[in-house]
Amino acid sequence: MEKRMMEGRQITNEDWICSSIDYNRWFMENGTLPSGNIDTFDITKKTVSEVAEYVDWWVRDKVKLTK
């Protein structure tokens, strides 16, 4: 995540990067809220295409669309 932020988004603020990593960690460790589950998908070793396919599937599943 740090590499993506620094290289892909050109973020150089260490506080911003650490805060974002902590925020992401919270979601990964606390996948539930009083209102229900939080859907997560670890994209660490995924390609852009794999992530896009998953997001497409996730949206279609949630709103029950068909291709």
C-alpha atoms as a PDB file:
ATOM      1  CA  MET A   1       0.000   0.000   0.000  1.00  0.00           C
ATOM      2  CA  GLU A   2       2.818   2.374   0.875  1.00  0.00           C
ATOM      3  CA  LYS A   3       4.529   1.704  -2.467  1.00  0.00           C
ATOM      4  CA  ARG A   4       1.277   2.311  -4.376  1.00  0.00           C
ATOM      5  CA  MET A   5       0.707   5.564  -2.535  1.00  0.00           C
ATOM      6  CA  MET A   6       4.245   6.830  -3.040  1.00  0.00           C
ATOM      7  CA  GLU A   7       4.859   5.639  -6.596  1.00  0.00           C
ATOM      8  CA  GLY A   8       1.382   5.553  -8.054  1.00  0.00           C
ATOM      9  CA  ARG A   9      -0.148   8.597  -6.399  1.00  0.00           C
ATOM     10  CA  GLN A  10       3.047  10.533  -5.613  1.00  0.00           C
ATOM     11  CA  ILE A  11       2.088  10.946  -1.956  1.00  0.00           C
ATOM     12  CA  THR A  12       5.128  11.938   0.092  1.00  0.00           C
ATOM     13  CA  ASN A  13       3.556  12.946   3.409  1.00  0.00           C
ATOM     14  CA  GLU A  14       4.609  10.201   5.861  1.00  0.00           C
ATOM     15  CA  ASP A  15       1.797  11.060   8.297  1.00  0.00           C
ATOM     16  CA  TRP A  16      -0.783  10.687   5.515  1.00  0.00           C
ATOM     17  CA  ILE A  17       0.709   7.354   4.438  1.00  0.00           C
ATOM     18  CA  CYS A  18       0.835   5.971   8.010  1.00  0.00           C
ATOM     19  CA  SER A  19      -2.702   7.140   8.683  1.00  0.00           C
ATOM     20  CA  SER A  20      -3.957   5.484   5.498  1.00  0.00           C
ATOM     21  CA  ILE A  21      -2.198   2.220   6.346  1.00  0.00           C
ATOM     22  CA  ASP A  22      -3.685   2.276   9.865  1.00  0.00           C
ATOM     23  CA  TYR A  23      -7.146   3.002   8.428  1.00  0.00           C
ATOM     24  CA  ASN A  24      -6.816   0.087   5.990  1.00  0.00           C
ATOM     25  CA  ARG A  25      -5.615  -2.205   8.785  1.00  0.00           C
ATOM     26  CA  TRP A  26      -8.661  -1.280  10.873  1.00  0.00           C
ATOM     27  CA  PHE A  27     -10.992  -2.380   8.058  1.00  0.00           C
ATOM     28  CA  MET A  28      -9.119  -5.637   7.597  1.00  0.00           C
ATOM     29  CA  GLU A  29      -9.239  -6.432  11.329  1.00  0.00           C
ATOM     30  CA  ASN A  30     -12.751  -5.125  12.068  1.00  0.00           C
ATOM     31  CA  GLY A  31     -14.869  -6.330   9.205  1.00  0.00           C
ATOM     32  CA  THR A  32     -18.119  -5.668  11.021  1.00  0.00           C
ATOM     33  CA  LEU A  33     -20.071  -2.656  12.168  1.00  0.00           C
ATOM     34  CA  PRO A  34     -23.291  -2.457  14.168  1.00  0.00           C
ATOM     35  CA  SER A  35     -25.103  -1.976  10.869  1.00  0.00           C
ATOM     36  CA  GLY A  36     -23.531  -5.083   9.285  1.00  0.00           C
ATOM     37  CA  ASN A  37     -20.401  -6.461   7.669  1.00  0.00           C
ATOM     38  CA  ILE A  38     -17.868  -4.479   5.703  1.00  0.00           C
ATOM     39  CA  ASP A  39     -16.903  -6.227   2.473  1.00  0.00           C
ATOM     40  CA  THR A  40     -13.141  -6.266   1.964  1.00  0.00           C
ATOM     41  CA  PHE A  41     -10.930  -7.475  -0.863  1.00  0.00           C
ATOM     42  CA  ASP A  42      -7.157  -7.679  -0.491  1.00  0.00           C
ATOM     43  CA  ILE A  43      -5.692  -6.215  -3.674  1.00  0.00           C
ATOM     44  CA  THR A  44      -2.064  -6.465  -2.561  1.00  0.00           C
ATOM     45  CA  LYS A  45      -1.067  -8.966  -5.252  1.00  0.00           C
ATOM     46  CA  LYS A  46      -3.904  -8.336  -7.727  1.00  0.00           C
ATOM     47  CA  THR A  47      -3.640  -6.770 -11.147  1.00  0.00           C
ATOM     48  CA  VAL A  48      -5.750  -3.780 -12.106  1.00  0.00           C
ATOM     49  CA  SER A  49      -7.858  -6.098 -14.269  1.00  0.00           C
ATOM     50  CA  GLU A  50      -8.446  -8.529 -11.406  1.00  0.00           C
ATOM     51  CA  VAL A  51      -9.544  -5.702  -9.122  1.00  0.00           C
ATOM     52  CA  ALA A  52     -11.832  -4.260 -11.789  1.00  0.00           C
ATOM     53  CA  GLU A  53     -13.426  -7.674 -12.379  1.00  0.00           C
ATOM     54  CA  TYR A  54     -14.025  -8.109  -8.666  1.00  0.00           C
ATOM     55  CA  VAL A  55     -15.528  -4.628  -8.276  1.00  0.00           C
ATOM     56  CA  ASP A  56     -17.792  -5.274 -11.280  1.00  0.00           C
ATOM     57  CA  TRP A  57     -18.926  -8.581  -9.769  1.00  0.00           C
ATOM     58  CA  TRP A  58     -19.410  -7.015  -6.316  1.00  0.00           C
ATOM     59  CA  VAL A  59     -21.569  -4.157  -7.610  1.00  0.00           C
ATOM     60  CA  ARG A  60     -23.664  -6.477  -9.764  1.00  0.00           C
ATOM     61  CA  ASP A  61     -24.132  -8.859  -6.846  1.00  0.00           C
ATOM     62  CA  LYS A  62     -25.185  -6.075  -4.484  1.00  0.00           C
ATOM     63  CA  VAL A  63     -27.693  -4.500  -6.853  1.00  0.00           C
ATOM     64  CA  LYS A  64     -28.600  -7.791  -8.560  1.00  0.00           C
ATOM     65  CA  LEU A  65     -27.897  -6.617 -12.106  1.00  0.00           C
ATOM     66  CA  THR A  66     -27.299  -9.009 -14.943  1.00  0.00           C
ATOM     67  CA  LYS A  67     -24.863  -8.706 -17.816  1.00  0.00           C
END
